[in-house]
Amino acid sequence: MAGGQPSRPRASRVVAGMVSAALALAAAACSTATSQPRPGETGPPARTSAGTCAPPPVAPSTYPTFATPPPASVALGAEWSAVLHTTCGDVSLVLDGKRAPRSVASFVTLARSGYWSPSVCHRLTSAPAPTAFLQCGDPTGRSTAEPGYGLPLENVPADRTYRVGDVGVARGDGFPSTSGEFFIVHHAFTVASGSPVYSLIGRVTSGLAVVEHVAAVGGEDFRDDGPPWQSISILRIDVRPR
């Protein structure tokens, strides 16, 4: 330092350190607020490292369709394990066939039929959109595919809040719920009174970092609702009773 004056860079480092500490505390508080489990749940989803994403596969020219929805009995009234093998890594889910039997029966049937093998995750919503999820499940990647049936609403959260790691069924034109498309929540949101709600079918148990990585990169052209900038496709989904 020259002329006995205080070092400006040193002061800046002190201020920067204080700001960083404050931001870290705020981030920790936010994380706690948005990751609280529902009654009966053991805790927030496990985080695993997100790896590099592989190039997306070619979209299929055909996909299975069905004349009627599968019966609720397919869900066995039990919990199911599902593993989404994606181009960005695996995401593991637990599905609640007791609280959402029709939706879980549909998910199991479509997974076993190869409906999502492969299929692109074609939509990412984030602030300032009213929702915050990664939406997958359309083989065409244009939100035009349907397996041939819709579903009733099931297991809608009483507080209309969807938490980080929740898995829900997307809305369909003319149906309370579509059957092919589903979403994974990357930031908690509450649906306003009078706005459409979504069936809740389960939650992520591991691999949430894959979804968070895609969400952090953002939407195409930095929009709040559109295709994710980081391409991610489902290669296949394995399901089995727990």
Protein backbone atom coordinates (compact mmCIF):
# COMPACT_ATOMS: atom_id res chain seq x y z
CA MET A 1 0.00 0.00 0.00
CA ALA A 2 1.19 3.57 -0.72
CA GLY A 3 1.03 6.67 1.53
CA GLY A 4 -0.43 4.76 4.47
CA GLN A 5 -3.90 4.57 2.85
CA PRO A 6 -6.09 1.49 3.52
CA SER A 7 -5.93 -1.19 0.84
CA ARG A 8 -9.14 -0.97 -1.22
CA PRO A 9 -8.89 -4.56 -2.54
CA ARG A 10 -8.67 -5.85 1.06
CA ALA A 11 -11.86 -3.95 2.04
CA SER A 12 -13.62 -5.32 -1.04
CA ARG A 13 -12.69 -8.84 -0.03
CA VAL A 14 -14.20 -8.30 3.44
CA VAL A 15 -17.46 -6.94 1.98
CA ALA A 16 -17.58 -9.73 -0.60
CA GLY A 17 -17.08 -12.30 2.16
CA MET A 18 -19.95 -10.83 4.17
CA VAL A 19 -22.24 -10.82 1.12
CA SER A 20 -21.29 -14.39 0.24
CA ALA A 21 -22.04 -15.54 3.79
CA ALA A 22 -25.42 -13.80 3.74
CA LEU A 23 -26.30 -15.36 0.39
CA ALA A 24 -25.26 -18.79 1.64
CA LEU A 25 -27.52 -18.44 4.70
CA ALA A 26 -30.41 -17.27 2.52
CA ALA A 27 -29.92 -20.18 0.12
CA ALA A 28 -29.86 -22.65 3.00
CA ALA A 29 -33.08 -21.20 4.41
CA CYS A 30 -34.75 -21.36 0.99
CA SER A 31 -33.66 -24.97 0.51
CA THR A 32 -35.11 -25.91 3.88
CA ALA A 33 -38.39 -24.16 3.12
CA THR A 34 -38.92 -25.84 -0.23
CA SER A 35 -37.82 -29.36 0.66
CA GLN A 36 -39.95 -30.19 3.71
CA PRO A 37 -41.44 -33.69 3.42
CA ARG A 38 -45.15 -34.42 3.70
CA PRO A 39 -46.38 -36.35 6.76
CA GLY A 40 -45.20 -39.96 6.50
CA GLU A 41 -42.25 -39.17 4.22
CA THR A 42 -38.69 -39.72 5.38
CA GLY A 43 -37.13 -36.57 3.92
CA PRO A 44 -36.17 -34.74 0.73
CA PRO A 45 -34.99 -36.69 -2.33
CA ALA A 46 -31.40 -37.88 -2.37
CA ARG A 47 -29.01 -35.89 -4.54
CA THR A 48 -26.56 -37.61 -6.83
CA SER A 49 -24.05 -36.05 -9.18
CA ALA A 50 -25.34 -35.17 -12.63
CA GLY A 51 -23.10 -36.51 -15.34
CA THR A 52 -22.61 -35.34 -18.89
CA CYS A 53 -25.60 -35.64 -21.16
CA ALA A 54 -25.44 -37.83 -24.26
CA PRO A 55 -26.86 -36.63 -27.60
CA PRO A 56 -30.62 -37.18 -27.93
CA PRO A 57 -31.82 -40.26 -29.84
CA VAL A 58 -33.92 -39.96 -32.97
CA ALA A 59 -37.62 -39.55 -32.15
CA PRO A 60 -39.64 -42.71 -32.89
CA SER A 61 -41.92 -42.74 -35.91
CA THR A 62 -44.54 -44.85 -34.09
CA TYR A 63 -45.54 -45.51 -30.49
CA PRO A 64 -48.08 -47.80 -28.76
CA THR A 65 -51.70 -46.65 -28.39
CA PHE A 66 -54.58 -48.12 -26.41
CA ALA A 67 -58.34 -48.14 -26.89
CA THR A 68 -59.08 -47.90 -23.16
CA PRO A 69 -57.13 -47.01 -20.02
CA PRO A 70 -55.72 -49.91 -17.99
CA PRO A 71 -57.72 -50.93 -14.92
CA ALA A 72 -56.67 -49.53 -11.56
CA SER A 73 -55.96 -53.10 -10.42
CA VAL A 74 -52.71 -53.01 -12.44
CA ALA A 75 -51.26 -50.75 -9.71
CA LEU A 76 -51.92 -53.52 -7.14
CA GLY A 77 -52.74 -50.87 -4.56
CA ALA A 78 -49.02 -50.86 -3.75
CA GLU A 79 -45.89 -48.76 -4.10
CA TRP A 80 -43.79 -49.16 -7.23
CA SER A 81 -40.17 -48.45 -8.01
CA ALA A 82 -39.43 -46.78 -11.35
CA VAL A 83 -36.06 -45.93 -12.86
CA LEU A 84 -35.90 -43.38 -15.65
CA HIS A 85 -32.82 -44.11 -17.73
CA THR A 86 -32.10 -40.80 -19.46
CA THR A 87 -29.41 -39.30 -21.65
CA CYS A 88 -28.28 -37.29 -18.60
CA GLY A 89 -28.29 -40.11 -16.03
CA ASP A 90 -30.73 -42.23 -14.03
CA VAL A 91 -33.61 -40.84 -11.98
CA SER A 92 -35.29 -43.19 -9.51
CA LEU A 93 -38.91 -42.77 -8.39
CA VAL A 94 -41.33 -44.33 -5.94
CA LEU A 95 -44.92 -44.38 -7.22
CA ASP A 96 -47.96 -44.50 -4.92
CA GLY A 97 -50.39 -47.05 -6.35
CA LYS A 98 -52.62 -46.74 -3.30
CA ARG A 99 -53.33 -43.00 -3.47
CA ALA A 100 -53.21 -42.74 -7.27
CA PRO A 101 -54.19 -46.21 -8.59
CA ARG A 102 -55.50 -45.14 -12.01
CA SER A 103 -52.50 -42.93 -12.77
CA VAL A 104 -49.93 -45.43 -11.50
CA ALA A 105 -51.60 -48.26 -13.42
CA SER A 106 -51.27 -46.11 -16.54
CA PHE A 107 -47.62 -45.27 -15.83
CA VAL A 108 -46.74 -48.95 -15.29
CA THR A 109 -48.58 -50.02 -18.45
CA LEU A 110 -46.95 -47.36 -20.64
CA ALA A 111 -43.49 -48.08 -19.23
CA ARG A 112 -43.85 -51.80 -19.92
CA SER A 113 -45.15 -51.18 -23.43
CA GLY A 114 -42.13 -49.04 -24.37
CA TYR A 115 -44.28 -45.96 -24.93
CA TRP A 116 -41.48 -43.74 -23.62
CA SER A 117 -38.59 -45.59 -25.30
CA PRO A 118 -37.29 -43.12 -26.32
CA SER A 119 -39.05 -39.83 -25.61
CA VAL A 120 -37.77 -36.31 -25.09
CA CYS A 121 -38.44 -34.10 -22.07
CA HIS A 122 -39.87 -31.26 -24.10
CA ARG A 123 -40.85 -28.60 -21.56
CA LEU A 124 -39.18 -26.75 -18.68
CA THR A 125 -41.06 -24.20 -16.61
CA SER A 126 -39.34 -21.79 -14.23
CA ALA A 127 -39.72 -18.29 -12.77
CA PRO A 128 -41.70 -16.20 -13.54
CA ALA A 129 -44.01 -19.06 -14.69
CA PRO A 130 -46.50 -20.17 -11.99
CA THR A 131 -45.03 -23.70 -12.03
CA ALA A 132 -41.50 -25.11 -11.83
CA PHE A 133 -41.08 -28.53 -13.38
CA LEU A 134 -39.43 -30.59 -16.12
CA GLN A 135 -42.13 -32.18 -18.29
CA CYS A 136 -41.48 -35.43 -20.13
CA GLY A 137 -43.37 -38.27 -21.76
CA ASP A 138 -44.24 -37.20 -25.31
CA PRO A 139 -42.60 -39.45 -27.97
CA THR A 140 -43.05 -36.78 -30.66
CA GLY A 141 -41.42 -34.04 -28.57
CA ARG A 142 -44.13 -31.63 -29.71
CA SER A 143 -46.78 -32.34 -27.04
CA THR A 144 -49.00 -33.95 -29.66
CA ALA A 145 -48.69 -37.66 -28.77
CA GLU A 146 -51.34 -39.43 -26.70
CA PRO A 147 -51.66 -43.14 -25.89
CA GLY A 148 -55.41 -42.92 -26.54
CA TYR A 149 -57.05 -42.12 -23.20
CA GLY A 150 -57.19 -39.54 -20.43
CA LEU A 151 -57.27 -39.94 -16.66
CA PRO A 152 -59.25 -38.50 -13.72
CA LEU A 153 -57.59 -36.37 -11.07
CA GLU A 154 -56.12 -38.32 -8.16
CA ASN A 155 -54.17 -37.51 -5.01
CA VAL A 156 -54.18 -33.72 -5.45
CA PRO A 157 -52.19 -32.11 -2.58
CA ALA A 158 -54.58 -30.64 -0.01
CA ASP A 159 -52.50 -27.47 0.20
CA ARG A 160 -52.16 -27.30 -3.63
CA THR A 161 -48.38 -27.23 -3.15
CA TYR A 162 -46.01 -29.33 -5.24
CA ARG A 163 -42.64 -29.89 -3.59
CA VAL A 164 -39.15 -30.48 -4.95
CA GLY A 165 -38.94 -34.04 -6.30
CA ASP A 166 -42.71 -34.54 -6.62
CA VAL A 167 -43.85 -36.42 -9.73
CA GLY A 168 -47.19 -35.42 -11.23
CA VAL A 169 -49.32 -36.06 -14.29
CA ALA A 170 -49.63 -33.25 -16.82
CA ARG A 171 -52.99 -31.78 -17.82
CA GLY A 172 -54.53 -32.93 -21.10
CA ASP A 173 -56.78 -31.15 -23.58
CA GLY A 174 -60.31 -32.14 -22.59
CA PHE A 175 -59.07 -34.28 -19.68
CA PRO A 176 -58.26 -33.41 -16.05
CA SER A 177 -55.03 -35.37 -16.58
CA THR A 178 -53.23 -36.61 -19.64
CA SER A 179 -51.92 -40.16 -19.56
CA GLY A 180 -48.64 -39.91 -21.43
CA GLU A 181 -46.96 -36.80 -20.09
CA PHE A 182 -45.65 -36.36 -16.57
CA PHE A 183 -43.44 -33.88 -14.74
CA ILE A 184 -40.82 -33.65 -12.00
CA VAL A 185 -40.79 -30.58 -9.74
CA HIS A 186 -37.43 -28.78 -9.46
CA HIS A 187 -38.62 -25.88 -7.26
CA ALA A 188 -41.64 -25.88 -4.93
CA PHE A 189 -44.73 -24.04 -6.15
CA THR A 190 -48.32 -23.58 -4.99
CA VAL A 191 -51.19 -23.56 -7.47
CA ALA A 192 -53.39 -20.50 -7.03
CA SER A 193 -57.06 -20.98 -6.15
CA GLY A 194 -59.08 -21.44 -9.33
CA SER A 195 -56.09 -22.61 -11.39
CA PRO A 196 -55.79 -26.19 -12.66
CA VAL A 197 -54.24 -28.69 -10.25
CA TYR A 198 -52.37 -31.90 -11.06
CA SER A 199 -52.50 -35.52 -9.93
CA LEU A 200 -49.55 -36.49 -7.75
CA ILE A 201 -48.26 -40.02 -8.41
CA GLY A 202 -44.98 -40.21 -6.50
CA ARG A 203 -41.62 -38.63 -5.89
CA VAL A 204 -37.94 -38.82 -6.78
CA THR A 205 -35.82 -40.96 -4.44
CA SER A 206 -32.45 -40.44 -6.18
CA GLY A 207 -31.05 -38.69 -9.22
CA LEU A 208 -32.72 -35.34 -8.58
CA ALA A 209 -29.43 -33.67 -9.57
CA VAL A 210 -30.14 -34.70 -13.17
CA VAL A 211 -33.34 -32.64 -13.16
CA GLU A 212 -31.71 -29.77 -11.27
CA HIS A 213 -28.88 -29.67 -13.81
CA VAL A 214 -31.32 -29.30 -16.70
CA ALA A 215 -33.32 -26.68 -14.78
CA ALA A 216 -30.19 -24.68 -13.93
CA VAL A 217 -29.21 -24.39 -17.60
CA GLY A 218 -32.65 -22.91 -18.27
CA GLY A 219 -35.21 -22.89 -21.04
CA GLU A 220 -34.59 -22.43 -24.74
CA ASP A 221 -33.90 -18.77 -25.55
CA PHE A 222 -34.05 -18.20 -21.75
CA ARG A 223 -37.84 -18.30 -21.73
CA ASP A 224 -39.75 -19.16 -18.54
CA ASP A 225 -41.70 -21.93 -20.32
CA GLY A 226 -40.40 -23.90 -23.29
CA PRO A 227 -37.98 -26.64 -24.35
CA PRO A 228 -35.02 -26.96 -21.99
CA TRP A 229 -31.73 -25.64 -23.32
CA GLN A 230 -30.01 -28.83 -22.14
CA SER A 231 -31.56 -31.63 -24.18
CA ILE A 232 -32.63 -34.64 -22.12
CA SER A 233 -34.43 -37.75 -23.35
CA ILE A 234 -35.79 -40.82 -21.64
CA LEU A 235 -34.26 -43.97 -23.12
CA ARG A 236 -36.46 -46.40 -21.19
CA ILE A 237 -38.31 -46.74 -17.88
CA ASP A 238 -38.06 -49.84 -15.71
CA VAL A 239 -40.87 -50.49 -13.21
CA ARG A 240 -41.45 -53.11 -10.52
CA PRO A 241 -43.50 -53.47 -7.32
CA ARG A 242 -41.63 -52.54 -4.13
